[in-house]
Amino acid sequence: MDRKRILRTIITVALFGALVAVIIVSQNHDPSNPHASIPKDVWINGPHGHGYAVDNNQQPWKQCYPCHEKKGLGGEDFCQSCHEKSKVNVTLPKKPS
């Protein structure tokens, strides 16, 4: 009887520890941000980061702006302000009429 009780206690403590670990790890993740799982420096400067996305997505009004606007960041103005801060001279693709 005593062995069963010790086993149940160990299992309970392990499950409680796993729950605490999941809660702590999930605090640093924003499920509504598709870039949340990537560190900011890697997203901006990495080989498959921002530059890669821009080169392979020439329709930011379809994929980037709606999400940025939902987050309250703004669309094209948000991108342009970041480019100006970074001293990047770029012409953003325009939505065809």
PDB file of N, CA and C in Angstrom:
ATOM      1  N   MET A   1       0.824  -1.185   0.000  1.00  0.00           N
ATOM      2  CA  MET A   1       0.000   0.000   0.000  1.00  0.00           C
ATOM      3  C   MET A   1       0.870   1.252   0.000  1.00  0.00           C
ATOM      4  N   ASP A   2       1.953   1.209   0.730  1.00  0.00           N
ATOM      5  CA  ASP A   2       2.829   2.371   0.851  1.00  0.00           C
ATOM      6  C   ASP A   2       3.525   2.692  -0.475  1.00  0.00           C
ATOM      7  N   ARG A   3       3.879   1.647  -1.239  1.00  0.00           N
ATOM      8  CA  ARG A   3       4.542   1.861  -2.525  1.00  0.00           C
ATOM      9  C   ARG A   3       3.611   2.545  -3.521  1.00  0.00           C
ATOM     10  N   LYS A   4       2.332   2.158  -3.529  1.00  0.00           N
ATOM     11  CA  LYS A   4       1.351   2.769  -4.422  1.00  0.00           C
ATOM     12  C   LYS A   4       1.192   4.257  -4.104  1.00  0.00           C
ATOM     13  N   ARG A   5       1.178   4.570  -2.844  1.00  0.00           N
ATOM     14  CA  ARG A   5       1.011   5.961  -2.421  1.00  0.00           C
ATOM     15  C   ARG A   5       2.219   6.806  -2.854  1.00  0.00           C
ATOM     16  N   ILE A   6       3.420   6.261  -2.713  1.00  0.00           N
ATOM     17  CA  ILE A   6       4.627   6.969  -3.126  1.00  0.00           C
ATOM     18  C   ILE A   6       4.614   7.164  -4.640  1.00  0.00           C
ATOM     19  N   LEU A   7       4.213   6.141  -5.389  1.00  0.00           N
ATOM     20  CA  LEU A   7       4.139   6.228  -6.844  1.00  0.00           C
ATOM     21  C   LEU A   7       3.129   7.296  -7.269  1.00  0.00           C
ATOM     22  N   ARG A   8       1.948   7.306  -6.638  1.00  0.00           N
ATOM     23  CA  ARG A   8       0.944   8.333  -6.947  1.00  0.00           C
ATOM     24  C   ARG A   8       1.461   9.728  -6.639  1.00  0.00           C
ATOM     25  N   THR A   9       2.178   9.876  -5.553  1.00  0.00           N
ATOM     26  CA  THR A   9       2.743  11.173  -5.178  1.00  0.00           C
ATOM     27  C   THR A   9       3.764  11.634  -6.215  1.00  0.00           C
ATOM     28  N   ILE A  10       4.620  10.723  -6.644  1.00  0.00           N
ATOM     29  CA  ILE A  10       5.629  11.070  -7.661  1.00  0.00           C
ATOM     30  C   ILE A  10       4.964  11.481  -8.969  1.00  0.00           C
ATOM     31  N   ILE A  11       3.939  10.733  -9.389  1.00  0.00           N
ATOM     32  CA  ILE A  11       3.216  11.071 -10.622  1.00  0.00           C
ATOM     33  C   ILE A  11       2.526  12.420 -10.485  1.00  0.00           C
ATOM     34  N   THR A  12       1.902  12.680  -9.365  1.00  0.00           N
ATOM     35  CA  THR A  12       1.221  13.959  -9.136  1.00  0.00           C
ATOM     36  C   THR A  12       2.203  15.120  -9.191  1.00  0.00           C
ATOM     37  N   VAL A  13       3.334  14.978  -8.544  1.00  0.00           N
ATOM     38  CA  VAL A  13       4.347  16.043  -8.542  1.00  0.00           C
ATOM     39  C   VAL A  13       4.883  16.260  -9.958  1.00  0.00           C
ATOM     40  N   ALA A  14       5.114  15.173 -10.696  1.00  0.00           N
ATOM     41  CA  ALA A  14       5.613  15.296 -12.069  1.00  0.00           C
ATOM     42  C   ALA A  14       4.594  16.011 -12.953  1.00  0.00           C
ATOM     43  N   LEU A  15       3.328  15.659 -12.838  1.00  0.00           N
ATOM     44  CA  LEU A  15       2.283  16.326 -13.637  1.00  0.00           C
ATOM     45  C   LEU A  15       2.149  17.796 -13.261  1.00  0.00           C
ATOM     46  N   PHE A  16       2.217  18.085 -11.979  1.00  0.00           N
ATOM     47  CA  PHE A  16       2.149  19.475 -11.536  1.00  0.00           C
ATOM     48  C   PHE A  16       3.349  20.268 -12.072  1.00  0.00           C
ATOM     49  N   GLY A  17       4.526  19.673 -12.029  1.00  0.00           N
ATOM     50  CA  GLY A  17       5.726  20.326 -12.572  1.00  0.00           C
ATOM     51  C   GLY A  17       5.602  20.575 -14.069  1.00  0.00           C
ATOM     52  N   ALA A  18       5.045  19.618 -14.798  1.00  0.00           N
ATOM     53  CA  ALA A  18       4.842  19.782 -16.246  1.00  0.00           C
ATOM     54  C   ALA A  18       3.850  20.912 -16.518  1.00  0.00           C
ATOM     55  N   LEU A  19       2.791  20.985 -15.729  1.00  0.00           N
ATOM     56  CA  LEU A  19       1.810  22.061 -15.890  1.00  0.00           C
ATOM     57  C   LEU A  19       2.446  23.427 -15.657  1.00  0.00           C
ATOM     58  N   VAL A  20       3.220  23.533 -14.612  1.00  0.00           N
ATOM     59  CA  VAL A  20       3.904  24.799 -14.320  1.00  0.00           C
ATOM     60  C   VAL A  20       4.853  25.157 -15.459  1.00  0.00           C
ATOM     61  N   ALA A  21       5.580  24.189 -15.980  1.00  0.00           N
ATOM     62  CA  ALA A  21       6.508  24.440 -17.091  1.00  0.00           C
ATOM     63  C   ALA A  21       5.767  24.931 -18.330  1.00  0.00           C
ATOM     64  N   VAL A  22       4.642  24.324 -18.653  1.00  0.00           N
ATOM     65  CA  VAL A  22       3.845  24.738 -19.817  1.00  0.00           C
ATOM     66  C   VAL A  22       3.336  26.162 -19.630  1.00  0.00           C
ATOM     67  N   ILE A  23       2.868  26.481 -18.448  1.00  0.00           N
ATOM     68  CA  ILE A  23       2.361  27.833 -18.181  1.00  0.00           C
ATOM     69  C   ILE A  23       3.484  28.859 -18.329  1.00  0.00           C
ATOM     70  N   ILE A  24       4.646  28.574 -17.794  1.00  0.00           N
ATOM     71  CA  ILE A  24       5.775  29.515 -17.882  1.00  0.00           C
ATOM     72  C   ILE A  24       6.208  29.708 -19.323  1.00  0.00           C
ATOM     73  N   VAL A  25       6.338  28.628 -20.066  1.00  0.00           N
ATOM     74  CA  VAL A  25       6.783  28.724 -21.466  1.00  0.00           C
ATOM     75  C   VAL A  25       5.740  29.453 -22.310  1.00  0.00           C
ATOM     76  N   SER A  26       4.465  29.221 -22.074  1.00  0.00           N
ATOM     77  CA  SER A  26       3.420  29.840 -22.892  1.00  0.00           C
ATOM     78  C   SER A  26       3.280  31.337 -22.640  1.00  0.00           C
ATOM     79  N   GLN A  27       3.813  31.840 -21.545  1.00  0.00           N
ATOM     80  CA  GLN A  27       3.729  33.271 -21.263  1.00  0.00           C
ATOM     81  C   GLN A  27       4.530  34.091 -22.265  1.00  0.00           C
ATOM     82  N   ASN A  28       5.545  33.500 -22.879  1.00  0.00           N
ATOM     83  CA  ASN A  28       6.401  34.220 -23.813  1.00  0.00           C
ATOM     84  C   ASN A  28       5.986  34.032 -25.263  1.00  0.00           C
ATOM     85  N   HIS A  29       4.809  33.473 -25.508  1.00  0.00           N
ATOM     86  CA  HIS A  29       4.381  33.187 -26.874  1.00  0.00           C
ATOM     87  C   HIS A  29       3.064  33.890 -27.161  1.00  0.00           C
ATOM     88  N   ASP A  30       3.029  34.617 -28.265  1.00  0.00           N
ATOM     89  CA  ASP A  30       1.815  35.298 -28.705  1.00  0.00           C
ATOM     90  C   ASP A  30       1.260  34.504 -29.890  1.00  0.00           C
ATOM     91  N   PRO A  31       0.183  33.738 -29.693  1.00  0.00           N
ATOM     92  CA  PRO A  31      -0.316  32.883 -30.766  1.00  0.00           C
ATOM     93  C   PRO A  31      -0.846  33.657 -31.969  1.00  0.00           C
ATOM     94  N   SER A  32      -1.158  34.931 -31.811  1.00  0.00           N
ATOM     95  CA  SER A  32      -1.674  35.705 -32.935  1.00  0.00           C
ATOM     96  C   SER A  32      -0.552  36.327 -33.768  1.00  0.00           C
ATOM     97  N   ASN A  33       0.692  36.182 -33.325  1.00  0.00           N
ATOM     98  CA  ASN A  33       1.823  36.735 -34.055  1.00  0.00           C
ATOM     99  C   ASN A  33       2.562  35.610 -34.772  1.00  0.00           C
ATOM    100  N   PRO A  34       2.541  35.602 -36.112  1.00  0.00           N
ATOM    101  CA  PRO A  34       3.207  34.515 -36.825  1.00  0.00           C
ATOM    102  C   PRO A  34       4.722  34.550 -36.677  1.00  0.00           C
ATOM    103  N   HIS A  35       5.280  35.655 -36.181  1.00  0.00           N
ATOM    104  CA  HIS A  35       6.725  35.776 -36.020  1.00  0.00           C
ATOM    105  C   HIS A  35       7.159  35.510 -34.580  1.00  0.00           C
ATOM    106  N   ALA A  36       6.226  35.157 -33.710  1.00  0.00           N
ATOM    107  CA  ALA A  36       6.524  35.037 -32.280  1.00  0.00           C
ATOM    108  C   ALA A  36       7.512  33.920 -31.954  1.00  0.00           C
ATOM    109  N   SER A  37       7.528  32.877 -32.754  1.00  0.00           N
ATOM    110  CA  SER A  37       8.413  31.757 -32.435  1.00  0.00           C
ATOM    111  C   SER A  37       9.847  32.009 -32.893  1.00  0.00           C
ATOM    112  N   ILE A  38      10.067  33.120 -33.578  1.00  0.00           N
ATOM    113  CA  ILE A  38      11.397  33.445 -34.100  1.00  0.00           C
ATOM    114  C   ILE A  38      11.934  34.649 -33.325  1.00  0.00           C
ATOM    115  N   PRO A  39      13.160  34.578 -32.811  1.00  0.00           N
ATOM    116  CA  PRO A  39      13.724  35.751 -32.132  1.00  0.00           C
ATOM    117  C   PRO A  39      13.764  36.957 -33.079  1.00  0.00           C
ATOM    118  N   LYS A  40      13.522  38.148 -32.528  1.00  0.00           N
ATOM    119  CA  LYS A  40      13.405  39.348 -33.354  1.00  0.00           C
ATOM    120  C   LYS A  40      14.637  39.570 -34.230  1.00  0.00           C
ATOM    121  N   ASP A  41      15.833  39.366 -33.676  1.00  0.00           N
ATOM    122  CA  ASP A  41      17.043  39.591 -34.459  1.00  0.00           C
ATOM    123  C   ASP A  41      17.124  38.632 -35.647  1.00  0.00           C
ATOM    124  N   VAL A  42      16.716  37.383 -35.436  1.00  0.00           N
ATOM    125  CA  VAL A  42      16.728  36.405 -36.525  1.00  0.00           C
ATOM    126  C   VAL A  42      15.669  36.779 -37.561  1.00  0.00           C
ATOM    127  N   TRP A  43      14.507  37.237 -37.100  1.00  0.00           N
ATOM    128  CA  TRP A  43      13.435  37.613 -38.037  1.00  0.00           C
ATOM    129  C   TRP A  43      13.877  38.799 -38.897  1.00  0.00           C
ATOM    130  N   ILE A  44      14.515  39.782 -38.305  1.00  0.00           N
ATOM    131  CA  ILE A  44      14.916  40.959 -39.065  1.00  0.00           C
ATOM    132  C   ILE A  44      16.112  40.669 -39.961  1.00  0.00           C
ATOM    133  N   ASN A  45      17.143  40.018 -39.425  1.00  0.00           N
ATOM    134  CA  ASN A  45      18.406  39.870 -40.145  1.00  0.00           C
ATOM    135  C   ASN A  45      18.717  38.468 -40.642  1.00  0.00           C
ATOM    136  N   GLY A  46      17.913  37.486 -40.311  1.00  0.00           N
ATOM    137  CA  GLY A  46      18.212  36.098 -40.666  1.00  0.00           C
ATOM    138  C   GLY A  46      18.046  35.807 -42.151  1.00  0.00           C
ATOM    139  N   PRO A  47      18.566  34.679 -42.601  1.00  0.00           N
ATOM    140  CA  PRO A  47      18.525  34.340 -44.023  1.00  0.00           C
ATOM    141  C   PRO A  47      17.100  34.103 -44.543  1.00  0.00           C
ATOM    142  N   HIS A  48      16.188  33.712 -43.682  1.00  0.00           N
ATOM    143  CA  HIS A  48      14.793  33.543 -44.108  1.00  0.00           C
ATOM    144  C   HIS A  48      13.887  34.473 -43.315  1.00  0.00           C
ATOM    145  N   GLY A  49      14.380  35.649 -43.003  1.00  0.00           N
ATOM    146  CA  GLY A  49      13.634  36.613 -42.204  1.00  0.00           C
ATOM    147  C   GLY A  49      12.903  37.636 -43.048  1.00  0.00           C
ATOM    148  N   HIS A  50      12.922  38.869 -42.590  1.00  0.00           N
ATOM    149  CA  HIS A  50      12.173  39.958 -43.203  1.00  0.00           C
ATOM    150  C   HIS A  50      12.542  40.160 -44.671  1.00  0.00           C
ATOM    151  N   GLY A  51      13.836  40.226 -44.958  1.00  0.00           N
ATOM    152  CA  GLY A  51      14.268  40.432 -46.345  1.00  0.00           C
ATOM    153  C   GLY A  51      13.800  39.324 -47.265  1.00  0.00           C
ATOM    154  N   TYR A  52      13.894  38.099 -46.802  1.00  0.00           N
ATOM    155  CA  TYR A  52      13.439  36.947 -47.577  1.00  0.00           C
ATOM    156  C   TYR A  52      11.929  37.051 -47.824  1.00  0.00           C
ATOM    157  N   ALA A  53      11.189  37.409 -46.772  1.00  0.00           N
ATOM    158  CA  ALA A  53       9.738  37.530 -46.909  1.00  0.00           C
ATOM    159  C   ALA A  53       9.382  38.631 -47.906  1.00  0.00           C
ATOM    160  N   VAL A  54      10.088  39.742 -47.840  1.00  0.00           N
ATOM    161  CA  VAL A  54       9.807  40.850 -48.754  1.00  0.00           C
ATOM    162  C   VAL A  54      10.127  40.452 -50.192  1.00  0.00           C
ATOM    163  N   ASP A  55      11.279  39.813 -50.395  1.00  0.00           N
ATOM    164  CA  ASP A  55      11.662  39.407 -51.749  1.00  0.00           C
ATOM    165  C   ASP A  55      10.703  38.386 -52.337  1.00  0.00           C
ATOM    166  N   ASN A  56      10.121  37.545 -51.490  1.00  0.00           N
ATOM    167  CA  ASN A  56       9.239  36.485 -51.975  1.00  0.00           C
ATOM    168  C   ASN A  56       7.756  36.810 -51.813  1.00  0.00           C
ATOM    169  N   ASN A  57       7.448  37.965 -51.287  1.00  0.00           N
ATOM    170  CA  ASN A  57       6.059  38.386 -51.108  1.00  0.00           C
ATOM    171  C   ASN A  57       5.964  39.815 -51.602  1.00  0.00           C
ATOM    172  N   GLN A  58       5.639  39.972 -52.835  1.00  0.00           N
ATOM    173  CA  GLN A  58       5.528  41.321 -53.387  1.00  0.00           C
ATOM    174  C   GLN A  58       4.099  41.847 -53.304  1.00  0.00           C
ATOM    175  N   GLN A  59       3.304  41.299 -52.373  1.00  0.00           N
ATOM    176  CA  GLN A  59       1.927  41.747 -52.166  1.00  0.00           C
ATOM    177  C   GLN A  59       1.683  42.016 -50.680  1.00  0.00           C
ATOM    178  N   PRO A  60       2.396  42.986 -50.084  1.00  0.00           N
ATOM    179  CA  PRO A  60       2.240  43.220 -48.649  1.00  0.00           C
ATOM    180  C   PRO A  60       0.830  43.659 -48.266  1.00  0.00           C
ATOM    181  N   TRP A  61       0.088  44.252 -49.179  1.00  0.00           N
ATOM    182  CA  TRP A  61      -1.285  44.670 -48.880  1.00  0.00           C
ATOM    183  C   TRP A  61      -2.175  43.460 -48.622  1.00  0.00           C
ATOM    184  N   LYS A  62      -1.753  42.277 -49.096  1.00  0.00           N
ATOM    185  CA  LYS A  62      -2.522  41.056 -48.902  1.00  0.00           C
ATOM    186  C   LYS A  62      -2.122  40.327 -47.620  1.00  0.00           C
ATOM    187  N   GLN A  63      -0.812  40.229 -47.358  1.00  0.00           N
ATOM    188  CA  GLN A  63      -0.345  39.378 -46.270  1.00  0.00           C
ATOM    189  C   GLN A  63       0.155  40.157 -45.062  1.00  0.00           C
ATOM    190  N   CYS A  64       0.829  41.276 -45.254  1.00  0.00           N
ATOM    191  CA  CYS A  64       1.442  41.982 -44.120  1.00  0.00           C
ATOM    192  C   CYS A  64       0.522  43.048 -43.526  1.00  0.00           C
ATOM    193  N   TYR A  65       0.030  43.945 -44.377  1.00  0.00           N
ATOM    194  CA  TYR A  65      -0.717  45.099 -43.876  1.00  0.00           C
ATOM    195  C   TYR A  65      -1.938  44.731 -43.053  1.00  0.00           C
ATOM    196  N   PRO A  66      -2.787  43.772 -43.495  1.00  0.00           N
ATOM    197  CA  PRO A  66      -3.979  43.470 -42.686  1.00  0.00           C
ATOM    198  C   PRO A  66      -3.632  43.047 -41.253  1.00  0.00           C
ATOM    199  N   CYS A  67      -2.589  42.225 -41.101  1.00  0.00           N
ATOM    200  CA  CYS A  67      -2.194  41.765 -39.764  1.00  0.00           C
ATOM    201  C   CYS A  67      -1.619  42.925 -38.960  1.00  0.00           C
ATOM    202  N   HIS A  68      -0.764  43.729 -39.571  1.00  0.00           N
ATOM    203  CA  HIS A  68      -0.182  44.878 -38.879  1.00  0.00           C
ATOM    204  C   HIS A  68      -1.277  45.847 -38.442  1.00  0.00           C
ATOM    205  N   GLU A  69      -2.288  46.050 -39.287  1.00  0.00           N
ATOM    206  CA  GLU A  69      -3.384  46.962 -38.942  1.00  0.00           C
ATOM    207  C   GLU A  69      -4.227  46.394 -37.806  1.00  0.00           C
ATOM    208  N   LYS A  70      -4.458  45.067 -37.804  1.00  0.00           N
ATOM    209  CA  LYS A  70      -5.200  44.428 -36.713  1.00  0.00           C
ATOM    210  C   LYS A  70      -4.486  44.626 -35.387  1.00  0.00           C
ATOM    211  N   LYS A  71      -3.168  44.604 -35.414  1.00  0.00           N
ATOM    212  CA  LYS A  71      -2.358  44.779 -34.206  1.00  0.00           C
ATOM    213  C   LYS A  71      -2.273  46.244 -33.791  1.00  0.00           C
ATOM    214  N   GLY A  72      -2.845  47.146 -34.605  1.00  0.00           N
ATOM    215  CA  GLY A  72      -2.804  48.566 -34.277  1.00  0.00           C
ATOM    216  C   GLY A  72      -1.492  49.227 -34.656  1.00  0.00           C
ATOM    217  N   LEU A  73      -0.717  48.570 -35.498  1.00  0.00           N
ATOM    218  CA  LEU A  73       0.570  49.127 -35.909  1.00  0.00           C
ATOM    219  C   LEU A  73       0.437  50.035 -37.123  1.00  0.00           C
ATOM    220  N   GLY A  74      -0.554  49.790 -37.930  1.00  0.00           N
ATOM    221  CA  GLY A  74      -0.696  50.521 -39.187  1.00  0.00           C
ATOM    222  C   GLY A  74      -0.171  49.668 -40.326  1.00  0.00           C
ATOM    223  N   GLY A  75      -0.527  50.026 -41.538  1.00  0.00           N
ATOM    224  CA  GLY A  75      -0.116  49.241 -42.693  1.00  0.00           C
ATOM    225  C   GLY A  75       1.155  49.770 -43.317  1.00  0.00           C
ATOM    226  N   GLU A  76       1.005  50.383 -44.453  1.00  0.00           N
ATOM    227  CA  GLU A  76       2.155  50.885 -45.212  1.00  0.00           C
ATOM    228  C   GLU A  76       2.948  51.914 -44.406  1.00  0.00           C
ATOM    229  N   ASP A  77       2.246  52.750 -43.645  1.00  0.00           N
ATOM    230  CA  ASP A  77       2.930  53.764 -42.828  1.00  0.00           C
ATOM    231  C   ASP A  77       3.862  53.123 -41.800  1.00  0.00           C
ATOM    232  N   PHE A  78       3.431  52.002 -41.213  1.00  0.00           N
ATOM    233  CA  PHE A  78       4.250  51.293 -40.239  1.00  0.00           C
ATOM    234  C   PHE A  78       5.545  50.810 -40.889  1.00  0.00           C
ATOM    235  N   CYS A  79       5.418  50.190 -42.051  1.00  0.00           N
ATOM    236  CA  CYS A  79       6.606  49.682 -42.751  1.00  0.00           C
ATOM    237  C   CYS A  79       7.539  50.835 -43.108  1.00  0.00           C
ATOM    238  N   GLN A  80       6.967  51.904 -43.649  1.00  0.00           N
ATOM    239  CA  GLN A  80       7.787  53.037 -44.083  1.00  0.00           C
ATOM    240  C   GLN A  80       8.500  53.683 -42.894  1.00  0.00           C
ATOM    241  N   SER A  81       7.823  53.816 -41.754  1.00  0.00           N
ATOM    242  CA  SER A  81       8.455  54.442 -40.588  1.00  0.00           C
ATOM    243  C   SER A  81       9.627  53.591 -40.096  1.00  0.00           C
ATOM    244  N   CYS A  82       9.483  52.272 -40.146  1.00  0.00           N
ATOM    245  CA  CYS A  82      10.574  51.385 -39.730  1.00  0.00           C
ATOM    246  C   CYS A  82      11.744  51.504 -40.707  1.00  0.00           C
ATOM    247  N   HIS A  83      11.444  51.594 -41.987  1.00  0.00           N
ATOM    248  CA  HIS A  83      12.505  51.741 -42.989  1.00  0.00           C
ATOM    249  C   HIS A  83      13.252  53.063 -42.786  1.00  0.00           C
ATOM    250  N   GLU A  84      12.516  54.116 -42.472  1.00  0.00           N
ATOM    251  CA  GLU A  84      13.153  55.415 -42.250  1.00  0.00           C
ATOM    252  C   GLU A  84      14.048  55.380 -41.016  1.00  0.00           C
ATOM    253  N   LYS A  85      13.562  54.744 -39.937  1.00  0.00           N
ATOM    254  CA  LYS A  85      14.378  54.624 -38.717  1.00  0.00           C
ATOM    255  C   LYS A  85      15.653  53.843 -38.987  1.00  0.00           C
ATOM    256  N   SER A  86      15.553  52.829 -39.843  1.00  0.00           N
ATOM    257  CA  SER A  86      16.702  51.978 -40.149  1.00  0.00           C
ATOM    258  C   SER A  86      17.568  52.555 -41.275  1.00  0.00           C
ATOM    259  N   LYS A  87      17.145  53.714 -41.797  1.00  0.00           N
ATOM    260  CA  LYS A  87      17.846  54.364 -42.919  1.00  0.00           C
ATOM    261  C   LYS A  87      17.922  53.446 -44.140  1.00  0.00           C
ATOM    262  N   VAL A  88      16.807  52.756 -44.413  1.00  0.00           N
ATOM    263  CA  VAL A  88      16.701  51.902 -45.594  1.00  0.00           C
ATOM    264  C   VAL A  88      15.879  52.645 -46.623  1.00  0.00           C
ATOM    265  N   ASN A  89      16.437  52.807 -47.807  1.00  0.00           N
ATOM    266  CA  ASN A  89      15.729  53.494 -48.879  1.00  0.00           C
ATOM    267  C   ASN A  89      15.074  52.432 -49.757  1.00  0.00           C
ATOM    268  N   VAL A  90      13.771  52.308 -49.640  1.00  0.00           N
ATOM    269  CA  VAL A  90      13.056  51.268 -50.383  1.00  0.00           C
ATOM    270  C   VAL A  90      11.722  51.822 -50.856  1.00  0.00           C
ATOM    271  N   THR A  91      11.284  51.353 -51.999  1.00  0.00           N
ATOM    272  CA  THR A  91       9.972  51.725 -52.517  1.00  0.00           C
ATOM    273  C   THR A  91       9.039  50.543 -52.273  1.00  0.00           C
ATOM    274  N   LEU A  92       8.012  50.751 -51.487  1.00  0.00           N
ATOM    275  CA  LEU A  92       7.083  49.665 -51.169  1.00  0.00           C
ATOM    276  C   LEU A  92       6.203  49.370 -52.383  1.00  0.00           C
ATOM    277  N   PRO A  93       5.946  48.094 -52.665  1.00  0.00           N
ATOM    278  CA  PRO A  93       5.062  47.763 -53.785  1.00  0.00           C
ATOM    279  C   PRO A  93       3.664  48.309 -53.538  1.00  0.00           C
ATOM    280  N   LYS A  94       3.043  48.816 -54.553  1.00  0.00           N
ATOM    281  CA  LYS A  94       1.692  49.392 -54.449  1.00  0.00           C
ATOM    282  C   LYS A  94       0.655  48.377 -54.910  1.00  0.00           C
ATOM    283  N   LYS A  95      -0.503  48.441 -54.295  1.00  0.00           N
ATOM    284  CA  LYS A  95      -1.613  47.573 -54.676  1.00  0.00           C
ATOM    285  C   LYS A  95      -2.109  47.986 -56.066  1.00  0.00           C
ATOM    286  N   PRO A  96      -2.244  47.024 -56.984  1.00  0.00           N
ATOM    287  CA  PRO A  96      -2.734  47.397 -58.313  1.00  0.00           C
ATOM    288  C   PRO A  96      -4.172  47.891 -58.235  1.00  0.00           C
ATOM    289  N   SER A  97      -4.493  48.825 -59.104  1.00  0.00           N
ATOM    290  CA  SER A  97      -5.848  49.414 -59.092  1.00  0.00           C
ATOM    291  C   SER A  97      -6.876  48.513 -59.713  1.00  0.00           C
TER     292      SER A  97
END
